[in-house]
Amino acid sequence: MPSAPQTNVISPDVLEILRCPVTASALRQDGDFLVSVSDDTIRYPIEHGVPRLLADAASRDTPEETPTP
């Protein structure tokens, strides 16, 4: 699945030093979000080119639950 177009591109050099404030893992860019590599449900918005790396700014994508028969 292709990722969303990136309007706020974070430099690879900057991504190398940024860490997720919740998991302390590295981050990868996915469109206008930075995503924790150890838990891809944790996403941080990038607003006007600035990542909001605050635990309370994180959104969690929850996998859709499959109904059990």
PDB file of N, CA and C in Angstrom:
ATOM      1  N   MET A   1       0.840  -1.166   0.000  1.00  0.00           N
ATOM      2  CA  MET A   1       0.000   0.000   0.000  1.00  0.00           C
ATOM      3  C   MET A   1       0.888   1.233   0.000  1.00  0.00           C
ATOM      4  N   PRO A   2       0.709   2.139  -0.959  1.00  0.00           N
ATOM      5  CA  PRO A   2       1.564   3.330  -1.006  1.00  0.00           C
ATOM      6  C   PRO A   2       1.236   4.270   0.148  1.00  0.00           C
ATOM      7  N   SER A   3       2.278   4.948   0.639  1.00  0.00           N
ATOM      8  CA  SER A   3       2.041   5.903   1.725  1.00  0.00           C
ATOM      9  C   SER A   3       1.490   7.205   1.158  1.00  0.00           C
ATOM     10  N   ALA A   4       0.923   8.007   2.043  1.00  0.00           N
ATOM     11  CA  ALA A   4       0.334   9.283   1.647  1.00  0.00           C
ATOM     12  C   ALA A   4       1.422  10.224   1.155  1.00  0.00           C
ATOM     13  N   PRO A   5       1.084  11.158   0.250  1.00  0.00           N
ATOM     14  CA  PRO A   5       2.084  12.113  -0.218  1.00  0.00           C
ATOM     15  C   PRO A   5       2.626  12.941   0.950  1.00  0.00           C
ATOM     16  N   GLN A   6       3.915  13.185   0.924  1.00  0.00           N
ATOM     17  CA  GLN A   6       4.548  13.920   2.012  1.00  0.00           C
ATOM     18  C   GLN A   6       4.592  15.407   1.697  1.00  0.00           C
ATOM     19  N   THR A   7       3.948  16.202   2.539  1.00  0.00           N
ATOM     20  CA  THR A   7       3.991  17.642   2.359  1.00  0.00           C
ATOM     21  C   THR A   7       4.989  18.271   3.315  1.00  0.00           C
ATOM     22  N   ASN A   8       5.263  17.605   4.434  1.00  0.00           N
ATOM     23  CA  ASN A   8       6.231  18.066   5.425  1.00  0.00           C
ATOM     24  C   ASN A   8       7.350  17.027   5.500  1.00  0.00           C
ATOM     25  N   VAL A   9       8.378  17.193   4.703  1.00  0.00           N
ATOM     26  CA  VAL A   9       9.449  16.200   4.666  1.00  0.00           C
ATOM     27  C   VAL A   9      10.488  16.517   5.734  1.00  0.00           C
ATOM     28  N   ILE A  10      10.746  15.526   6.589  1.00  0.00           N
ATOM     29  CA  ILE A  10      11.760  15.651   7.633  1.00  0.00           C
ATOM     30  C   ILE A  10      13.063  15.083   7.082  1.00  0.00           C
ATOM     31  N   SER A  11      14.137  15.801   7.266  1.00  0.00           N
ATOM     32  CA  SER A  11      15.444  15.396   6.760  1.00  0.00           C
ATOM     33  C   SER A  11      15.854  14.037   7.352  1.00  0.00           C
ATOM     34  N   PRO A  12      16.442  13.160   6.541  1.00  0.00           N
ATOM     35  CA  PRO A  12      16.924  11.873   7.063  1.00  0.00           C
ATOM     36  C   PRO A  12      17.917  12.046   8.219  1.00  0.00           C
ATOM     37  N   ASP A  13      18.732  13.112   8.182  1.00  0.00           N
ATOM     38  CA  ASP A  13      19.682  13.363   9.270  1.00  0.00           C
ATOM     39  C   ASP A  13      18.954  13.653  10.580  1.00  0.00           C
ATOM     40  N   VAL A  14      17.846  14.363  10.496  1.00  0.00           N
ATOM     41  CA  VAL A  14      17.050  14.672  11.687  1.00  0.00           C
ATOM     42  C   VAL A  14      16.332  13.418  12.171  1.00  0.00           C
ATOM     43  N   LEU A  15      15.782  12.635  11.235  1.00  0.00           N
ATOM     44  CA  LEU A  15      15.097  11.400  11.623  1.00  0.00           C
ATOM     45  C   LEU A  15      16.019  10.438  12.367  1.00  0.00           C
ATOM     46  N   GLU A  16      17.303  10.463  12.043  1.00  0.00           N
ATOM     47  CA  GLU A  16      18.271   9.584  12.717  1.00  0.00           C
ATOM     48  C   GLU A  16      18.349   9.848  14.209  1.00  0.00           C
ATOM     49  N   ILE A  17      18.159  11.104  14.623  1.00  0.00           N
ATOM     50  CA  ILE A  17      18.335  11.427  16.042  1.00  0.00           C
ATOM     51  C   ILE A  17      17.019  11.510  16.816  1.00  0.00           C
ATOM     52  N   LEU A  18      15.890  11.631  16.111  1.00  0.00           N
ATOM     53  CA  LEU A  18      14.599  11.710  16.804  1.00  0.00           C
ATOM     54  C   LEU A  18      14.201  10.340  17.345  1.00  0.00           C
ATOM     55  N   ARG A  19      13.540  10.328  18.503  1.00  0.00           N
ATOM     56  CA  ARG A  19      13.056   9.100  19.119  1.00  0.00           C
ATOM     57  C   ARG A  19      11.622   9.302  19.585  1.00  0.00           C
ATOM     58  N   CYS A  20      10.873   8.221  19.614  1.00  0.00           N
ATOM     59  CA  CYS A  20       9.498   8.231  20.093  1.00  0.00           C
ATOM     60  C   CYS A  20       9.513   8.471  21.604  1.00  0.00           C
ATOM     61  N   PRO A  21       8.767   9.454  22.101  1.00  0.00           N
ATOM     62  CA  PRO A  21       8.759   9.717  23.537  1.00  0.00           C
ATOM     63  C   PRO A  21       8.053   8.630  24.351  1.00  0.00           C
ATOM     64  N   VAL A  22       7.276   7.786  23.705  1.00  0.00           N
ATOM     65  CA  VAL A  22       6.571   6.716  24.414  1.00  0.00           C
ATOM     66  C   VAL A  22       7.403   5.438  24.458  1.00  0.00           C
ATOM     67  N   THR A  23       7.975   5.036  23.308  1.00  0.00           N
ATOM     68  CA  THR A  23       8.691   3.760  23.226  1.00  0.00           C
ATOM     69  C   THR A  23      10.204   3.912  23.177  1.00  0.00           C
ATOM     70  N   ALA A  24      10.695   5.115  22.960  1.00  0.00           N
ATOM     71  CA  ALA A  24      12.123   5.418  22.810  1.00  0.00           C
ATOM     72  C   ALA A  24      12.736   4.782  21.564  1.00  0.00           C
ATOM     73  N   SER A  25      11.911   4.318  20.648  1.00  0.00           N
ATOM     74  CA  SER A  25      12.422   3.730  19.416  1.00  0.00           C
ATOM     75  C   SER A  25      12.581   4.807  18.344  1.00  0.00           C
ATOM     76  N   ALA A  26      13.226   4.433  17.258  1.00  0.00           N
ATOM     77  CA  ALA A  26      13.396   5.335  16.120  1.00  0.00           C
ATOM     78  C   ALA A  26      12.028   5.627  15.506  1.00  0.00           C
ATOM     79  N   LEU A  27      11.987   6.659  14.669  1.00  0.00           N
ATOM     80  CA  LEU A  27      10.761   7.053  13.986  1.00  0.00           C
ATOM     81  C   LEU A  27      10.977   6.996  12.488  1.00  0.00           C
ATOM     82  N   ARG A  28       9.895   6.744  11.770  1.00  0.00           N
ATOM     83  CA  ARG A  28       9.926   6.815  10.296  1.00  0.00           C
ATOM     84  C   ARG A  28       8.805   7.731   9.870  1.00  0.00           C
ATOM     85  N   GLN A  29       8.976   8.370   8.715  1.00  0.00           N
ATOM     86  CA  GLN A  29       7.949   9.292   8.240  1.00  0.00           C
ATOM     87  C   GLN A  29       6.951   8.560   7.361  1.00  0.00           C
ATOM     88  N   ASP A  30       5.686   8.843   7.589  1.00  0.00           N
ATOM     89  CA  ASP A  30       4.593   8.319   6.775  1.00  0.00           C
ATOM     90  C   ASP A  30       3.655   9.485   6.498  1.00  0.00           C
ATOM     91  N   GLY A  31       3.824  10.129   5.363  1.00  0.00           N
ATOM     92  CA  GLY A  31       3.017  11.298   5.028  1.00  0.00           C
ATOM     93  C   GLY A  31       3.295  12.431   5.995  1.00  0.00           C
ATOM     94  N   ASP A  32       2.264  12.955   6.611  1.00  0.00           N
ATOM     95  CA  ASP A  32       2.404  14.059   7.555  1.00  0.00           C
ATOM     96  C   ASP A  32       2.470  13.568   9.002  1.00  0.00           C
ATOM     97  N   PHE A  33       3.000  12.371   9.183  1.00  0.00           N
ATOM     98  CA  PHE A  33       3.140  11.786  10.516  1.00  0.00           C
ATOM     99  C   PHE A  33       4.504  11.136  10.663  1.00  0.00           C
ATOM    100  N   LEU A  34       4.993  11.098  11.912  1.00  0.00           N
ATOM    101  CA  LEU A  34       6.141  10.268  12.256  1.00  0.00           C
ATOM    102  C   LEU A  34       5.578   9.078  13.022  1.00  0.00           C
ATOM    103  N   VAL A  35       6.060   7.889  12.681  1.00  0.00           N
ATOM    104  CA  VAL A  35       5.518   6.653  13.232  1.00  0.00           C
ATOM    105  C   VAL A  35       6.621   5.918  13.971  1.00  0.00           C
ATOM    106  N   SER A  36       6.295   5.426  15.155  1.00  0.00           N
ATOM    107  CA  SER A  36       7.247   4.643  15.939  1.00  0.00           C
ATOM    108  C   SER A  36       7.537   3.332  15.212  1.00  0.00           C
ATOM    109  N   VAL A  37       8.818   2.979  15.054  1.00  0.00           N
ATOM    110  CA  VAL A  37       9.142   1.742  14.348  1.00  0.00           C
ATOM    111  C   VAL A  37       8.890   0.508  15.204  1.00  0.00           C
ATOM    112  N   SER A  38       8.842   0.669  16.527  1.00  0.00           N
ATOM    113  CA  SER A  38       8.588  -0.495  17.377  1.00  0.00           C
ATOM    114  C   SER A  38       7.092  -0.735  17.608  1.00  0.00           C
ATOM    115  N   ASP A  39       6.262   0.269  17.364  1.00  0.00           N
ATOM    116  CA  ASP A  39       4.807   0.134  17.510  1.00  0.00           C
ATOM    117  C   ASP A  39       4.170   1.060  16.491  1.00  0.00           C
ATOM    118  N   ASP A  40       3.878   0.512  15.319  1.00  0.00           N
ATOM    119  CA  ASP A  40       3.409   1.378  14.226  1.00  0.00           C
ATOM    120  C   ASP A  40       1.994   1.914  14.422  1.00  0.00           C
ATOM    121  N   THR A  41       1.400   1.669  15.584  1.00  0.00           N
ATOM    122  CA  THR A  41       0.105   2.293  15.878  1.00  0.00           C
ATOM    123  C   THR A  41       0.289   3.671  16.509  1.00  0.00           C
ATOM    124  N   ILE A  42       1.520   4.001  16.927  1.00  0.00           N
ATOM    125  CA  ILE A  42       1.790   5.308  17.548  1.00  0.00           C
ATOM    126  C   ILE A  42       2.278   6.269  16.471  1.00  0.00           C
ATOM    127  N   ARG A  43       1.520   7.349  16.272  1.00  0.00           N
ATOM    128  CA  ARG A  43       1.804   8.314  15.207  1.00  0.00           C
ATOM    129  C   ARG A  43       1.814   9.722  15.783  1.00  0.00           C
ATOM    130  N   TYR A  44       2.774  10.520  15.341  1.00  0.00           N
ATOM    131  CA  TYR A  44       2.907  11.911  15.773  1.00  0.00           C
ATOM    132  C   TYR A  44       2.711  12.821  14.576  1.00  0.00           C
ATOM    133  N   PRO A  45       1.858  13.827  14.688  1.00  0.00           N
ATOM    134  CA  PRO A  45       1.619  14.719  13.549  1.00  0.00           C
ATOM    135  C   PRO A  45       2.804  15.648  13.297  1.00  0.00           C
ATOM    136  N   ILE A  46       2.963  16.003  12.039  1.00  0.00           N
ATOM    137  CA  ILE A  46       3.932  17.031  11.642  1.00  0.00           C
ATOM    138  C   ILE A  46       3.095  18.230  11.216  1.00  0.00           C
ATOM    139  N   GLU A  47       3.227  19.326  11.948  1.00  0.00           N
ATOM    140  CA  GLU A  47       2.428  20.517  11.671  1.00  0.00           C
ATOM    141  C   GLU A  47       3.323  21.664  11.243  1.00  0.00           C
ATOM    142  N   HIS A  48       3.107  22.154  10.042  1.00  0.00           N
ATOM    143  CA  HIS A  48       3.902  23.256   9.476  1.00  0.00           C
ATOM    144  C   HIS A  48       5.393  22.919   9.490  1.00  0.00           C
ATOM    145  N   GLY A  49       5.713  21.656   9.212  1.00  0.00           N
ATOM    146  CA  GLY A  49       7.105  21.220   9.141  1.00  0.00           C
ATOM    147  C   GLY A  49       7.733  20.866  10.475  1.00  0.00           C
ATOM    148  N   VAL A  50       6.965  20.953  11.572  1.00  0.00           N
ATOM    149  CA  VAL A  50       7.503  20.687  12.912  1.00  0.00           C
ATOM    150  C   VAL A  50       6.794  19.471  13.504  1.00  0.00           C
ATOM    151  N   PRO A  51       7.537  18.405  13.841  1.00  0.00           N
ATOM    152  CA  PRO A  51       6.896  17.245  14.460  1.00  0.00           C
ATOM    153  C   PRO A  51       6.478  17.552  15.895  1.00  0.00           C
ATOM    154  N   ARG A  52       5.268  17.136  16.269  1.00  0.00           N
ATOM    155  CA  ARG A  52       4.772  17.297  17.642  1.00  0.00           C
ATOM    156  C   ARG A  52       5.071  16.011  18.396  1.00  0.00           C
ATOM    157  N   LEU A  53       6.268  15.924  18.942  1.00  0.00           N
ATOM    158  CA  LEU A  53       6.708  14.708  19.628  1.00  0.00           C
ATOM    159  C   LEU A  53       6.399  14.766  21.119  1.00  0.00           C
ATOM    160  N   LEU A  54       5.132  14.892  21.428  1.00  0.00           N
ATOM    161  CA  LEU A  54       4.667  14.879  22.803  1.00  0.00           C
ATOM    162  C   LEU A  54       3.763  13.661  22.963  1.00  0.00           C
ATOM    163  N   ALA A  55       3.899  12.973  24.093  1.00  0.00           N
ATOM    164  CA  ALA A  55       3.098  11.769  24.306  1.00  0.00           C
ATOM    165  C   ALA A  55       1.606  12.062  24.158  1.00  0.00           C
ATOM    166  N   ASP A  56       1.152  13.231  24.621  1.00  0.00           N
ATOM    167  CA  ASP A  56      -0.275  13.537  24.512  1.00  0.00           C
ATOM    168  C   ASP A  56      -0.692  13.948  23.101  1.00  0.00           C
ATOM    169  N   ALA A  57       0.260  14.207  22.214  1.00  0.00           N
ATOM    170  CA  ALA A  57      -0.061  14.542  20.824  1.00  0.00           C
ATOM    171  C   ALA A  57      -0.135  13.290  19.954  1.00  0.00           C
ATOM    172  N   ALA A  58       0.327  12.166  20.485  1.00  0.00           N
ATOM    173  CA  ALA A  58       0.346  10.923  19.714  1.00  0.00           C
ATOM    174  C   ALA A  58      -1.067  10.420  19.493  1.00  0.00           C
ATOM    175  N   SER A  59      -1.274   9.866  18.323  1.00  0.00           N
ATOM    176  CA  SER A  59      -2.542   9.185  18.065  1.00  0.00           C
ATOM    177  C   SER A  59      -2.213   7.707  17.904  1.00  0.00           C
ATOM    178  N   ARG A  60      -3.133   6.887  18.294  1.00  0.00           N
ATOM    179  CA  ARG A  60      -2.932   5.440  18.169  1.00  0.00           C
ATOM    180  C   ARG A  60      -3.908   4.901  17.145  1.00  0.00           C
ATOM    181  N   ASP A  61      -3.352   4.281  16.127  1.00  0.00           N
ATOM    182  CA  ASP A  61      -4.183   3.575  15.146  1.00  0.00           C
ATOM    183  C   ASP A  61      -4.397   2.183  15.696  1.00  0.00           C
ATOM    184  N   THR A  62      -5.634   1.800  15.879  1.00  0.00           N
ATOM    185  CA  THR A  62      -5.897   0.456  16.361  1.00  0.00           C
ATOM    186  C   THR A  62      -6.292  -0.419  15.201  1.00  0.00           C
ATOM    187  N   PRO A  63      -5.738  -1.615  15.134  1.00  0.00           N
ATOM    188  CA  PRO A  63      -6.109  -2.512  14.034  1.00  0.00           C
ATOM    189  C   PRO A  63      -7.598  -2.852  14.132  1.00  0.00           C
ATOM    190  N   GLU A  64      -8.201  -2.957  12.969  1.00  0.00           N
ATOM    191  CA  GLU A  64      -9.622  -3.303  12.968  1.00  0.00           C
ATOM    192  C   GLU A  64      -9.803  -4.709  13.502  1.00  0.00           C
ATOM    193  N   GLU A  65     -10.780  -4.854  14.379  1.00  0.00           N
ATOM    194  CA  GLU A  65     -11.022  -6.160  14.959  1.00  0.00           C
ATOM    195  C   GLU A  65     -11.866  -6.988  13.998  1.00  0.00           C
ATOM    196  N   THR A  66     -11.504  -8.254  13.890  1.00  0.00           N
ATOM    197  CA  THR A  66     -12.255  -9.164  13.052  1.00  0.00           C
ATOM    198  C   THR A  66     -13.300  -9.874  13.904  1.00  0.00           C
ATOM    199  N   PRO A  67     -14.540  -9.855  13.491  1.00  0.00           N
ATOM    200  CA  PRO A  67     -15.551 -10.535  14.296  1.00  0.00           C
ATOM    201  C   PRO A  67     -15.292 -12.031  14.360  1.00  0.00           C
ATOM    202  N   THR A  68     -15.540 -12.594  15.520  1.00  0.00           N
ATOM    203  CA  THR A  68     -15.362 -14.034  15.687  1.00  0.00           C
ATOM    204  C   THR A  68     -16.683 -14.721  15.442  1.00  0.00           C
ATOM    205  N   PRO A  69     -16.657 -15.886  14.780  1.00  0.00           N
ATOM    206  CA  PRO A  69     -17.915 -16.581  14.458  1.00  0.00           C
ATOM    207  C   PRO A  69     -18.568 -17.179  15.686  1.00  0.00           C
TER     208      PRO A  69
END
